[in-house]
Amino acid sequence: MSKLFIPENYSSPLDVYKTQKAISFIKQTFQARLASALNLKRVSAPLFVTEGSGLNDNLNGFERPVSFDIPAVGECGQVVHSLAKWKRLALKEYHFYVGNGLYTDMNAIRRDEDLDNIHSIYVDQWDWEKVITREERTLDYLIETAQKIVNVICDTNDLLRVDFPELAVKLERKLFAITTEELLEMYPDLSAKEREDEITKKHGTVLLMQIGGKLKNGEPHDGRAPDYDDWALNGDILFYNEVLGHAFEISSMGIRVDEESLERQLAERGCEDRRTLPFHKALLAGELPLTIGGGIGQSRLCMLMMGSAHIGEVQSSIWDKDTIEGCKKAGIKLL
């Protein structure tokens, strides 16, 4: 079911041809600058993994992966939800060392996604992962890395506005970091999403940290799988979206679980059966590097910089009848 929102007096900032040119500019400029800022090398990545590998992202645990049998292999394949686990294994297999990392284009299908202005069943993002030391497993290092990503986003946006003067989106470069518990204390009577709206409206650009574990109110701020991010050392990069009037997540990122935090988080979620999967066995045996990583939404980034009201303006996907008709009536061109 569609949850379409049409901002008052909204019109698409660019025609379809210029939209395609702007998308190309953003993607090419951003990924080159991201690789330089974080010392990343581009690698090829899978569209699907085997069901028994434990490499697929379980997200919140209820989303169904797109599955299919592979007669020639004798196994079942799953279209990835994300590459959170695969990247860490790749860093080991490709012999990356401390201070170096990888990035890749990740394309996924999330069939159970609720459709609205910013959610589609098609997911496109830059997935990245970097080898770190145990001493770098700190909130300070997380914040420092997030600020580098924000700087690249703002640099790209500044260059975009030179080539496309029709675009007028301005982004806050200074990152404000806050934990989910601190945010709850500030706004105890608001919902999680309302708290995000308030803090991003106030500060413009926010790193909201420590997502996944239960807060003092007994609820987690948001869902997080227990087997990739360390819930004490992760965060979301949020911008305030002036067009839509609310917080806008660009990136989910975090320092990844080590042996201790994986054990703890699997127990908390009742997922201890995953300990027998190949990826988890290797991690618990200390065979995988310590890493930091995340995903940065490609269509989300284009939406933000171009001032688009709907993600369908910057990516081609499948939409329900109400969304198609509502956008057409409002003059919003879906790709």
C-alpha atoms as a PDB file:
ATOM      1  CA  MET A   1       0.000   0.000   0.000  1.00  0.00           C
ATOM      2  CA  SER A   2       1.285   3.418  -0.966  1.00  0.00           C
ATOM      3  CA  LYS A   3       2.047   6.139   1.576  1.00  0.00           C
ATOM      4  CA  LEU A   4       2.591   8.873  -0.990  1.00  0.00           C
ATOM      5  CA  PHE A   5       3.213  12.412   0.244  1.00  0.00           C
ATOM      6  CA  ILE A   6       3.126  15.381  -2.146  1.00  0.00           C
ATOM      7  CA  PRO A   7       4.770  18.534  -0.713  1.00  0.00           C
ATOM      8  CA  GLU A   8       2.752  21.698  -1.201  1.00  0.00           C
ATOM      9  CA  ASN A   9       3.608  23.569  -4.417  1.00  0.00           C
ATOM     10  CA  TYR A  10       6.220  20.945  -5.351  1.00  0.00           C
ATOM     11  CA  SER A  11       7.560  20.585  -8.873  1.00  0.00           C
ATOM     12  CA  SER A  12      10.477  18.464 -10.065  1.00  0.00           C
ATOM     13  CA  PRO A  13      13.602  20.660 -10.123  1.00  0.00           C
ATOM     14  CA  LEU A  14      14.949  19.206 -13.402  1.00  0.00           C
ATOM     15  CA  ASP A  15      13.419  17.676 -16.518  1.00  0.00           C
ATOM     16  CA  VAL A  16      14.038  13.967 -17.170  1.00  0.00           C
ATOM     17  CA  TYR A  17      17.084  14.508 -19.402  1.00  0.00           C
ATOM     18  CA  LYS A  18      18.830  16.818 -16.936  1.00  0.00           C
ATOM     19  CA  THR A  19      17.829  14.484 -14.103  1.00  0.00           C
ATOM     20  CA  GLN A  20      19.771  11.663 -15.754  1.00  0.00           C
ATOM     21  CA  LYS A  21      22.782  13.927 -16.248  1.00  0.00           C
ATOM     22  CA  ALA A  22      22.675  15.014 -12.605  1.00  0.00           C
ATOM     23  CA  ILE A  23      22.402  11.417 -11.365  1.00  0.00           C
ATOM     24  CA  SER A  24      25.486  10.486 -13.401  1.00  0.00           C
ATOM     25  CA  PHE A  25      27.388  13.508 -12.072  1.00  0.00           C
ATOM     26  CA  ILE A  26      26.542  12.720  -8.441  1.00  0.00           C
ATOM     27  CA  LYS A  27      27.456   9.048  -8.658  1.00  0.00           C
ATOM     28  CA  GLN A  28      30.737   9.523 -10.495  1.00  0.00           C
ATOM     29  CA  THR A  29      31.863  12.447  -8.350  1.00  0.00           C
ATOM     30  CA  PHE A  30      30.850  11.001  -5.007  1.00  0.00           C
ATOM     31  CA  GLN A  31      32.327   7.527  -5.366  1.00  0.00           C
ATOM     32  CA  ALA A  32      35.707   8.846  -6.538  1.00  0.00           C
ATOM     33  CA  ARG A  33      35.917  11.258  -3.604  1.00  0.00           C
ATOM     34  CA  LEU A  34      34.691   8.645  -1.108  1.00  0.00           C
ATOM     35  CA  ALA A  35      37.381   6.198  -2.236  1.00  0.00           C
ATOM     36  CA  SER A  36      40.034   8.868  -1.740  1.00  0.00           C
ATOM     37  CA  ALA A  37      38.742  10.039   1.652  1.00  0.00           C
ATOM     38  CA  LEU A  38      38.533   6.548   3.180  1.00  0.00           C
ATOM     39  CA  ASN A  39      41.323   4.845   1.200  1.00  0.00           C
ATOM     40  CA  LEU A  40      39.024   2.382  -0.576  1.00  0.00           C
ATOM     41  CA  LYS A  41      39.463   0.264  -3.705  1.00  0.00           C
ATOM     42  CA  ARG A  42      36.550  -0.734  -5.926  1.00  0.00           C
ATOM     43  CA  VAL A  43      35.720  -4.453  -6.140  1.00  0.00           C
ATOM     44  CA  SER A  44      33.055  -6.534  -7.847  1.00  0.00           C
ATOM     45  CA  ALA A  45      30.269  -7.885  -5.644  1.00  0.00           C
ATOM     46  CA  PRO A  46      27.634 -10.626  -5.865  1.00  0.00           C
ATOM     47  CA  LEU A  47      23.960 -10.080  -6.632  1.00  0.00           C
ATOM     48  CA  PHE A  48      23.106 -13.300  -4.795  1.00  0.00           C
ATOM     49  CA  VAL A  49      24.607 -15.711  -2.254  1.00  0.00           C
ATOM     50  CA  THR A  50      23.793 -19.291  -1.251  1.00  0.00           C
ATOM     51  CA  GLU A  51      21.161 -19.746   1.417  1.00  0.00           C
ATOM     52  CA  GLY A  52      23.383 -21.796   3.713  1.00  0.00           C
ATOM     53  CA  SER A  53      26.376 -19.451   3.695  1.00  0.00           C
ATOM     54  CA  GLY A  54      25.013 -17.096   6.373  1.00  0.00           C
ATOM     55  CA  LEU A  55      26.220 -14.160   4.272  1.00  0.00           C
ATOM     56  CA  ASN A  56      22.860 -12.549   3.524  1.00  0.00           C
ATOM     57  CA  ASP A  57      21.733  -9.664   5.708  1.00  0.00           C
ATOM     58  CA  ASN A  58      18.738 -10.695   7.821  1.00  0.00           C
ATOM     59  CA  LEU A  59      17.766  -7.027   8.332  1.00  0.00           C
ATOM     60  CA  ASN A  60      15.062  -7.020  11.043  1.00  0.00           C
ATOM     61  CA  GLY A  61      14.483 -10.764  10.795  1.00  0.00           C
ATOM     62  CA  PHE A  62      11.078 -10.805   9.105  1.00  0.00           C
ATOM     63  CA  GLU A  63      11.951  -9.683   5.571  1.00  0.00           C
ATOM     64  CA  ARG A  64      11.817 -12.516   3.016  1.00  0.00           C
ATOM     65  CA  PRO A  65      14.754 -12.748   0.603  1.00  0.00           C
ATOM     66  CA  VAL A  66      14.050 -13.438  -3.055  1.00  0.00           C
ATOM     67  CA  SER A  67      15.086 -17.090  -3.395  1.00  0.00           C
ATOM     68  CA  PHE A  68      15.571 -19.405  -6.336  1.00  0.00           C
ATOM     69  CA  ASP A  69      16.924 -22.889  -6.953  1.00  0.00           C
ATOM     70  CA  ILE A  70      20.133 -23.421  -8.925  1.00  0.00           C
ATOM     71  CA  PRO A  71      19.908 -26.905 -10.471  1.00  0.00           C
ATOM     72  CA  ALA A  72      23.485 -26.860 -11.775  1.00  0.00           C
ATOM     73  CA  VAL A  73      24.815 -26.192  -8.271  1.00  0.00           C
ATOM     74  CA  GLY A  74      22.291 -28.135  -6.232  1.00  0.00           C
ATOM     75  CA  GLU A  75      21.682 -25.253  -3.830  1.00  0.00           C
ATOM     76  CA  CYS A  76      19.251 -22.403  -3.289  1.00  0.00           C
ATOM     77  CA  GLY A  77      20.360 -18.846  -4.016  1.00  0.00           C
ATOM     78  CA  GLN A  78      19.169 -15.651  -2.356  1.00  0.00           C
ATOM     79  CA  VAL A  79      19.256 -12.150  -3.813  1.00  0.00           C
ATOM     80  CA  VAL A  80      21.183 -10.094  -1.268  1.00  0.00           C
ATOM     81  CA  HIS A  81      19.481  -7.683   1.116  1.00  0.00           C
ATOM     82  CA  SER A  82      22.855  -6.033   1.645  1.00  0.00           C
ATOM     83  CA  LEU A  83      26.538  -6.989   1.616  1.00  0.00           C
ATOM     84  CA  ALA A  84      27.255  -6.298   5.291  1.00  0.00           C
ATOM     85  CA  LYS A  85      28.794  -9.734   5.944  1.00  0.00           C
ATOM     86  CA  TRP A  86      30.153 -10.479   2.460  1.00  0.00           C
ATOM     87  CA  LYS A  87      32.385  -7.381   2.531  1.00  0.00           C
ATOM     88  CA  ARG A  88      34.147  -8.453   5.693  1.00  0.00           C
ATOM     89  CA  LEU A  89      34.865 -11.890   4.295  1.00  0.00           C
ATOM     90  CA  ALA A  90      36.084 -10.294   1.047  1.00  0.00           C
ATOM     91  CA  LEU A  91      38.598  -8.150   2.932  1.00  0.00           C
ATOM     92  CA  LYS A  92      40.163 -11.350   4.258  1.00  0.00           C
ATOM     93  CA  GLU A  93      40.035 -13.248   0.963  1.00  0.00           C
ATOM     94  CA  TYR A  94      41.435 -10.310  -1.048  1.00  0.00           C
ATOM     95  CA  HIS A  95      44.250  -9.697   1.500  1.00  0.00           C
ATOM     96  CA  PHE A  96      43.373  -6.123   2.449  1.00  0.00           C
ATOM     97  CA  TYR A  97      45.427  -4.748   5.326  1.00  0.00           C
ATOM     98  CA  VAL A  98      44.827  -2.248   8.144  1.00  0.00           C
ATOM     99  CA  GLY A  99      43.925   1.220   6.878  1.00  0.00           C
ATOM    100  CA  ASN A 100      42.700  -0.039   3.501  1.00  0.00           C
ATOM    101  CA  GLY A 101      39.217  -1.004   2.410  1.00  0.00           C
ATOM    102  CA  LEU A 102      36.844  -1.723  -0.442  1.00  0.00           C
ATOM    103  CA  TYR A 103      33.681  -0.275  -1.921  1.00  0.00           C
ATOM    104  CA  THR A 104      31.236  -1.652  -4.436  1.00  0.00           C
ATOM    105  CA  ASP A 105      27.909  -0.998  -6.123  1.00  0.00           C
ATOM    106  CA  MET A 106      25.288  -2.989  -4.231  1.00  0.00           C
ATOM    107  CA  ASN A 107      21.962  -3.758  -5.878  1.00  0.00           C
ATOM    108  CA  ALA A 108      19.297  -5.567  -3.882  1.00  0.00           C
ATOM    109  CA  ILE A 109      15.622  -6.472  -3.832  1.00  0.00           C
ATOM    110  CA  ARG A 110      13.651  -6.021  -0.629  1.00  0.00           C
ATOM    111  CA  ARG A 111      10.291  -7.461  -1.560  1.00  0.00           C
ATOM    112  CA  ASP A 112       8.587  -6.696   1.784  1.00  0.00           C
ATOM    113  CA  GLU A 113       9.523  -2.990   1.879  1.00  0.00           C
ATOM    114  CA  ASP A 114       6.638  -0.596   2.536  1.00  0.00           C
ATOM    115  CA  LEU A 115       6.447   1.835  -0.387  1.00  0.00           C
ATOM    116  CA  ASP A 116       6.531   5.555   0.277  1.00  0.00           C
ATOM    117  CA  ASN A 117       8.456   8.641  -0.898  1.00  0.00           C
ATOM    118  CA  ILE A 118      11.829   7.282   0.204  1.00  0.00           C
ATOM    119  CA  HIS A 119      11.380   3.485   0.147  1.00  0.00           C
ATOM    120  CA  SER A 120      11.406   1.205  -2.890  1.00  0.00           C
ATOM    121  CA  ILE A 121      11.701  -2.559  -3.317  1.00  0.00           C
ATOM    122  CA  TYR A 122      14.890  -1.825  -5.303  1.00  0.00           C
ATOM    123  CA  VAL A 123      17.906  -0.845  -3.215  1.00  0.00           C
ATOM    124  CA  ASP A 124      21.031   0.711  -4.713  1.00  0.00           C
ATOM    125  CA  GLN A 125      23.893   1.832  -2.521  1.00  0.00           C
ATOM    126  CA  TRP A 126      27.626   2.084  -2.189  1.00  0.00           C
ATOM    127  CA  ASP A 127      28.657  -0.636   0.235  1.00  0.00           C
ATOM    128  CA  TRP A 128      32.066  -0.065   1.802  1.00  0.00           C
ATOM    129  CA  GLU A 129      34.232  -1.796   4.392  1.00  0.00           C
ATOM    130  CA  LYS A 130      37.651  -1.024   5.854  1.00  0.00           C
ATOM    131  CA  VAL A 131      40.146  -2.939   8.021  1.00  0.00           C
ATOM    132  CA  ILE A 132      40.866  -1.308  11.392  1.00  0.00           C
ATOM    133  CA  THR A 133      42.818  -2.069  14.555  1.00  0.00           C
ATOM    134  CA  ARG A 134      41.263  -3.077  17.858  1.00  0.00           C
ATOM    135  CA  GLU A 135      42.342   0.291  19.283  1.00  0.00           C
ATOM    136  CA  GLU A 136      40.196   2.034  16.660  1.00  0.00           C
ATOM    137  CA  ARG A 137      37.017   0.340  17.866  1.00  0.00           C
ATOM    138  CA  THR A 138      35.780   3.530  19.550  1.00  0.00           C
ATOM    139  CA  LEU A 139      32.983   6.061  19.157  1.00  0.00           C
ATOM    140  CA  ASP A 140      35.587   8.734  18.397  1.00  0.00           C
ATOM    141  CA  TYR A 141      36.792   6.769  15.378  1.00  0.00           C
ATOM    142  CA  LEU A 142      33.191   6.193  14.264  1.00  0.00           C
ATOM    143  CA  ILE A 143      32.448   9.939  14.447  1.00  0.00           C
ATOM    144  CA  GLU A 144      35.679  10.833  12.652  1.00  0.00           C
ATOM    145  CA  THR A 145      34.835   8.464   9.795  1.00  0.00           C
ATOM    146  CA  ALA A 146      31.253   9.701   9.565  1.00  0.00           C
ATOM    147  CA  GLN A 147      32.486  13.304   9.324  1.00  0.00           C
ATOM    148  CA  LYS A 148      34.718  12.338   6.390  1.00  0.00           C
ATOM    149  CA  ILE A 149      31.677  10.884   4.602  1.00  0.00           C
ATOM    150  CA  VAL A 150      29.643  14.026   5.301  1.00  0.00           C
ATOM    151  CA  ASN A 151      32.485  16.172   3.936  1.00  0.00           C
ATOM    152  CA  VAL A 152      32.454  14.152   0.694  1.00  0.00           C
ATOM    153  CA  ILE A 153      28.671  14.531   0.435  1.00  0.00           C
ATOM    154  CA  CYS A 154      28.878  18.307   0.928  1.00  0.00           C
ATOM    155  CA  ASP A 155      31.784  18.654  -1.529  1.00  0.00           C
ATOM    156  CA  THR A 156      29.811  16.731  -4.154  1.00  0.00           C
ATOM    157  CA  ASN A 157      26.737  18.872  -3.539  1.00  0.00           C
ATOM    158  CA  ASP A 158      28.746  22.088  -3.924  1.00  0.00           C
ATOM    159  CA  LEU A 159      30.127  20.895  -7.275  1.00  0.00           C
ATOM    160  CA  LEU A 160      26.681  19.758  -8.422  1.00  0.00           C
ATOM    161  CA  ARG A 161      25.206  23.187  -7.834  1.00  0.00           C
ATOM    162  CA  VAL A 162      27.887  24.741 -10.054  1.00  0.00           C
ATOM    163  CA  ASP A 163      26.956  22.488 -12.998  1.00  0.00           C
ATOM    164  CA  PHE A 164      23.214  22.624 -12.256  1.00  0.00           C
ATOM    165  CA  PRO A 165      22.381  26.124 -10.973  1.00  0.00           C
ATOM    166  CA  GLU A 166      18.676  25.193 -10.915  1.00  0.00           C
ATOM    167  CA  LEU A 167      19.400  23.149  -7.800  1.00  0.00           C
ATOM    168  CA  ALA A 168      19.376  25.042  -4.520  1.00  0.00           C
ATOM    169  CA  VAL A 169      19.812  22.413  -1.789  1.00  0.00           C
ATOM    170  CA  LYS A 170      22.268  23.448   0.918  1.00  0.00           C
ATOM    171  CA  LEU A 171      23.667  20.890   3.352  1.00  0.00           C
ATOM    172  CA  GLU A 172      25.106  21.361   6.841  1.00  0.00           C
ATOM    173  CA  ARG A 173      28.734  20.245   6.873  1.00  0.00           C
ATOM    174  CA  LYS A 174      29.237  20.102  10.654  1.00  0.00           C
ATOM    175  CA  LEU A 175      28.149  16.722  12.014  1.00  0.00           C
ATOM    176  CA  PHE A 176      26.304  16.616  15.337  1.00  0.00           C
ATOM    177  CA  ALA A 177      26.792  13.271  17.125  1.00  0.00           C
ATOM    178  CA  ILE A 178      24.341  11.950  19.722  1.00  0.00           C
ATOM    179  CA  THR A 179      23.413   8.520  21.093  1.00  0.00           C
ATOM    180  CA  THR A 180      19.895   7.091  20.909  1.00  0.00           C
ATOM    181  CA  GLU A 181      19.714   7.071  24.728  1.00  0.00           C
ATOM    182  CA  GLU A 182      20.654  10.767  24.899  1.00  0.00           C
ATOM    183  CA  LEU A 183      18.056  11.510  22.222  1.00  0.00           C
ATOM    184  CA  LEU A 184      15.380   9.641  24.185  1.00  0.00           C
ATOM    185  CA  GLU A 185      16.218  11.706  27.282  1.00  0.00           C
ATOM    186  CA  MET A 186      15.783  14.901  25.235  1.00  0.00           C
ATOM    187  CA  TYR A 187      12.420  13.902  23.740  1.00  0.00           C
ATOM    188  CA  PRO A 188      10.891  11.210  26.011  1.00  0.00           C
ATOM    189  CA  ASP A 189       7.333  11.768  24.793  1.00  0.00           C
ATOM    190  CA  LEU A 190       8.077  11.447  21.067  1.00  0.00           C
ATOM    191  CA  SER A 191       8.320   8.367  18.862  1.00  0.00           C
ATOM    192  CA  ALA A 192      11.716   7.276  17.525  1.00  0.00           C
ATOM    193  CA  LYS A 193      11.094   8.860  14.115  1.00  0.00           C
ATOM    194  CA  GLU A 194       9.752  12.050  15.675  1.00  0.00           C
ATOM    195  CA  ARG A 195      12.899  12.292  17.800  1.00  0.00           C
ATOM    196  CA  GLU A 196      15.005  11.990  14.622  1.00  0.00           C
ATOM    197  CA  ASP A 197      12.957  14.746  12.990  1.00  0.00           C
ATOM    198  CA  GLU A 198      13.475  17.110  15.912  1.00  0.00           C
ATOM    199  CA  ILE A 199      17.228  16.622  16.250  1.00  0.00           C
ATOM    200  CA  THR A 200      17.941  16.904  12.508  1.00  0.00           C
ATOM    201  CA  LYS A 201      15.722  19.965  12.166  1.00  0.00           C
ATOM    202  CA  LYS A 202      17.767  21.547  14.956  1.00  0.00           C
ATOM    203  CA  HIS A 203      21.267  20.568  13.761  1.00  0.00           C
ATOM    204  CA  GLY A 204      20.895  19.847  10.026  1.00  0.00           C
ATOM    205  CA  THR A 205      23.283  16.867   9.899  1.00  0.00           C
ATOM    206  CA  VAL A 206      23.335  14.217  12.622  1.00  0.00           C
ATOM    207  CA  LEU A 207      25.139  10.992  13.450  1.00  0.00           C
ATOM    208  CA  LEU A 208      22.665   9.029  15.577  1.00  0.00           C
ATOM    209  CA  MET A 209      24.685   6.390  17.426  1.00  0.00           C
ATOM    210  CA  GLN A 210      24.119   3.094  19.265  1.00  0.00           C
ATOM    211  CA  ILE A 211      21.183   1.584  17.388  1.00  0.00           C
ATOM    212  CA  GLY A 212      19.917  -1.952  17.957  1.00  0.00           C
ATOM    213  CA  GLY A 213      19.950  -2.596  21.699  1.00  0.00           C
ATOM    214  CA  LYS A 214      17.075  -1.834  24.055  1.00  0.00           C
ATOM    215  CA  LEU A 215      16.905   1.671  25.543  1.00  0.00           C
ATOM    216  CA  LYS A 216      15.730   2.600  29.040  1.00  0.00           C
ATOM    217  CA  ASN A 217      12.136   2.622  27.783  1.00  0.00           C
ATOM    218  CA  GLY A 218      12.501  -1.081  26.946  1.00  0.00           C
ATOM    219  CA  GLU A 219      12.483  -0.626  23.178  1.00  0.00           C
ATOM    220  CA  PRO A 220      15.318  -0.393  20.630  1.00  0.00           C
ATOM    221  CA  HIS A 221      15.423   2.894  18.712  1.00  0.00           C
ATOM    222  CA  ASP A 222      15.345   0.942  15.460  1.00  0.00           C
ATOM    223  CA  GLY A 223      15.998  -2.578  14.213  1.00  0.00           C
ATOM    224  CA  ARG A 224      19.521  -3.846  13.552  1.00  0.00           C
ATOM    225  CA  ALA A 225      20.684  -7.348  12.740  1.00  0.00           C
ATOM    226  CA  PRO A 226      22.768  -8.790  15.609  1.00  0.00           C
ATOM    227  CA  ASP A 227      25.638 -10.136  13.514  1.00  0.00           C
ATOM    228  CA  TYR A 228      27.324  -7.245  11.718  1.00  0.00           C
ATOM    229  CA  ASP A 229      27.243  -3.885  13.570  1.00  0.00           C
ATOM    230  CA  ASP A 230      28.369  -3.642  17.168  1.00  0.00           C
ATOM    231  CA  TRP A 231      25.290  -1.935  18.638  1.00  0.00           C
ATOM    232  CA  ALA A 232      27.506   0.125  20.959  1.00  0.00           C
ATOM    233  CA  LEU A 233      29.619   1.408  18.052  1.00  0.00           C
ATOM    234  CA  ASN A 234      27.266   2.057  15.131  1.00  0.00           C
ATOM    235  CA  GLY A 235      25.187   4.926  13.773  1.00  0.00           C
ATOM    236  CA  ASP A 236      23.018   6.439  11.053  1.00  0.00           C
ATOM    237  CA  ILE A 237      23.956   9.597   9.145  1.00  0.00           C
ATOM    238  CA  LEU A 238      20.842  11.768   8.933  1.00  0.00           C
ATOM    239  CA  PHE A 239      20.230  15.015   7.068  1.00  0.00           C
ATOM    240  CA  TYR A 240      17.223  17.255   7.479  1.00  0.00           C
ATOM    241  CA  ASN A 241      15.266  17.084   4.233  1.00  0.00           C
ATOM    242  CA  GLU A 242      13.669  20.483   3.633  1.00  0.00           C
ATOM    243  CA  VAL A 243      11.450  19.207   0.793  1.00  0.00           C
ATOM    244  CA  LEU A 244       9.899  16.384   2.814  1.00  0.00           C
ATOM    245  CA  GLY A 245      10.173  18.120   6.189  1.00  0.00           C
ATOM    246  CA  HIS A 246      11.744  15.295   8.153  1.00  0.00           C
ATOM    247  CA  ALA A 247      14.948  13.413   8.951  1.00  0.00           C
ATOM    248  CA  PHE A 248      16.453  11.646   5.961  1.00  0.00           C
ATOM    249  CA  GLU A 249      18.781   8.673   6.432  1.00  0.00           C
ATOM    250  CA  ILE A 250      21.649   8.604   3.940  1.00  0.00           C
ATOM    251  CA  SER A 251      23.857   5.994   5.537  1.00  0.00           C
ATOM    252  CA  SER A 252      23.766   3.164   8.036  1.00  0.00           C
ATOM    253  CA  MET A 253      27.284   2.422   9.251  1.00  0.00           C
ATOM    254  CA  GLY A 254      29.220   1.025  12.147  1.00  0.00           C
ATOM    255  CA  ILE A 255      32.221  -0.673  13.633  1.00  0.00           C
ATOM    256  CA  ARG A 256      31.552  -4.370  13.172  1.00  0.00           C
ATOM    257  CA  VAL A 257      31.068  -7.004  15.837  1.00  0.00           C
ATOM    258  CA  ASP A 258      34.051  -8.746  17.343  1.00  0.00           C
ATOM    259  CA  GLU A 259      33.858 -12.148  19.011  1.00  0.00           C
ATOM    260  CA  GLU A 260      32.480 -10.825  22.312  1.00  0.00           C
ATOM    261  CA  SER A 261      29.836  -8.474  20.913  1.00  0.00           C
ATOM    262  CA  LEU A 262      28.638 -11.095  18.418  1.00  0.00           C
ATOM    263  CA  GLU A 263      28.091 -13.629  21.207  1.00  0.00           C
ATOM    264  CA  ARG A 264      26.242 -11.038  23.301  1.00  0.00           C
ATOM    265  CA  GLN A 265      24.009  -9.758  20.517  1.00  0.00           C
ATOM    266  CA  LEU A 266      23.110 -13.221  19.205  1.00  0.00           C
ATOM    267  CA  ALA A 267      22.048 -14.181  22.732  1.00  0.00           C
ATOM    268  CA  GLU A 268      20.010 -10.988  23.167  1.00  0.00           C
ATOM    269  CA  ARG A 269      18.092 -11.638  19.945  1.00  0.00           C
ATOM    270  CA  GLY A 270      17.753 -15.382  20.490  1.00  0.00           C
ATOM    271  CA  CYS A 271      19.739 -16.120  17.331  1.00  0.00           C
ATOM    272  CA  GLU A 272      22.406 -18.383  18.795  1.00  0.00           C
ATOM    273  CA  ASP A 273      21.726 -21.000  16.104  1.00  0.00           C
ATOM    274  CA  ARG A 274      23.615 -18.733  13.682  1.00  0.00           C
ATOM    275  CA  ARG A 275      26.855 -19.625  15.473  1.00  0.00           C
ATOM    276  CA  THR A 276      27.049 -22.748  13.299  1.00  0.00           C
ATOM    277  CA  LEU A 277      26.960 -20.862   9.973  1.00  0.00           C
ATOM    278  CA  PRO A 278      30.306 -20.572   8.128  1.00  0.00           C
ATOM    279  CA  PHE A 279      30.615 -16.784   8.430  1.00  0.00           C
ATOM    280  CA  HIS A 280      29.775 -16.757  12.128  1.00  0.00           C
ATOM    281  CA  LYS A 281      32.068 -19.681  12.927  1.00  0.00           C
ATOM    282  CA  ALA A 282      34.970 -17.884  11.250  1.00  0.00           C
ATOM    283  CA  LEU A 283      34.249 -14.664  13.123  1.00  0.00           C
ATOM    284  CA  LEU A 284      33.973 -16.363  16.502  1.00  0.00           C
ATOM    285  CA  ALA A 285      37.255 -18.177  15.807  1.00  0.00           C
ATOM    286  CA  GLY A 286      38.997 -14.838  15.237  1.00  0.00           C
ATOM    287  CA  GLU A 287      39.635 -15.580  11.565  1.00  0.00           C
ATOM    288  CA  LEU A 288      38.132 -12.364  10.147  1.00  0.00           C
ATOM    289  CA  PRO A 289      39.642  -8.854  10.291  1.00  0.00           C
ATOM    290  CA  LEU A 290      38.244  -6.142  12.545  1.00  0.00           C
ATOM    291  CA  THR A 291      36.407  -3.669  10.330  1.00  0.00           C
ATOM    292  CA  ILE A 292      34.235  -0.590  10.017  1.00  0.00           C
ATOM    293  CA  GLY A 293      31.761  -0.252   7.176  1.00  0.00           C
ATOM    294  CA  GLY A 294      28.382   0.832   5.939  1.00  0.00           C
ATOM    295  CA  GLY A 295      26.056   1.493   3.084  1.00  0.00           C
ATOM    296  CA  ILE A 296      25.352   4.854   1.451  1.00  0.00           C
ATOM    297  CA  GLY A 297      22.137   5.088  -0.528  1.00  0.00           C
ATOM    298  CA  GLN A 298      22.737   6.113  -4.134  1.00  0.00           C
ATOM    299  CA  SER A 299      19.154   7.062  -4.950  1.00  0.00           C
ATOM    300  CA  ARG A 300      18.751   8.617  -1.503  1.00  0.00           C
ATOM    301  CA  LEU A 301      21.804  10.804  -2.084  1.00  0.00           C
ATOM    302  CA  CYS A 302      20.502  11.889  -5.499  1.00  0.00           C
ATOM    303  CA  MET A 303      17.099  12.671  -3.986  1.00  0.00           C
ATOM    304  CA  LEU A 304      18.649  14.816  -1.268  1.00  0.00           C
ATOM    305  CA  MET A 305      20.980  16.820  -3.488  1.00  0.00           C
ATOM    306  CA  MET A 306      18.438  17.347  -6.253  1.00  0.00           C
ATOM    307  CA  GLY A 307      15.587  18.257  -3.922  1.00  0.00           C
ATOM    308  CA  SER A 308      13.377  15.452  -5.250  1.00  0.00           C
ATOM    309  CA  ALA A 309      10.164  14.553  -3.438  1.00  0.00           C
ATOM    310  CA  HIS A 310      10.002  10.892  -4.475  1.00  0.00           C
ATOM    311  CA  ILE A 311      12.686   8.253  -4.911  1.00  0.00           C
ATOM    312  CA  GLY A 312      11.005   7.182  -8.153  1.00  0.00           C
ATOM    313  CA  GLU A 313      12.228  10.441  -9.685  1.00  0.00           C
ATOM    314  CA  VAL A 314      15.824   9.197  -9.493  1.00  0.00           C
ATOM    315  CA  GLN A 315      15.518   5.404  -9.874  1.00  0.00           C
ATOM    316  CA  SER A 316      13.488   2.986 -11.973  1.00  0.00           C
ATOM    317  CA  SER A 317      11.390   0.580  -9.912  1.00  0.00           C
ATOM    318  CA  ILE A 318       7.884  -0.917  -9.645  1.00  0.00           C
ATOM    319  CA  TRP A 319       5.128   1.058  -7.967  1.00  0.00           C
ATOM    320  CA  ASP A 320       1.533   0.457  -6.946  1.00  0.00           C
ATOM    321  CA  LYS A 321      -1.345   2.024  -8.867  1.00  0.00           C
ATOM    322  CA  ASP A 322      -2.052   4.699  -6.245  1.00  0.00           C
ATOM    323  CA  THR A 323       1.551   5.931  -6.323  1.00  0.00           C
ATOM    324  CA  ILE A 324       1.643   6.035 -10.121  1.00  0.00           C
ATOM    325  CA  GLU A 325      -1.632   7.924 -10.378  1.00  0.00           C
ATOM    326  CA  GLY A 326      -0.830  10.259  -7.467  1.00  0.00           C
ATOM    327  CA  CYS A 327       2.552  11.212  -8.920  1.00  0.00           C
ATOM    328  CA  LYS A 328       1.088  11.715 -12.374  1.00  0.00           C
ATOM    329  CA  LYS A 329      -1.595  14.015 -10.987  1.00  0.00           C
ATOM    330  CA  ALA A 330       1.058  16.019  -9.116  1.00  0.00           C
ATOM    331  CA  GLY A 331       3.305  16.297 -12.190  1.00  0.00           C
ATOM    332  CA  ILE A 332       5.994  14.034 -10.689  1.00  0.00           C
ATOM    333  CA  LYS A 333       7.729  11.993 -13.369  1.00  0.00           C
ATOM    334  CA  LEU A 334       8.582   8.470 -12.221  1.00  0.00           C
ATOM    335  CA  LEU A 335      11.482   6.913 -14.116  1.00  0.00           C
END
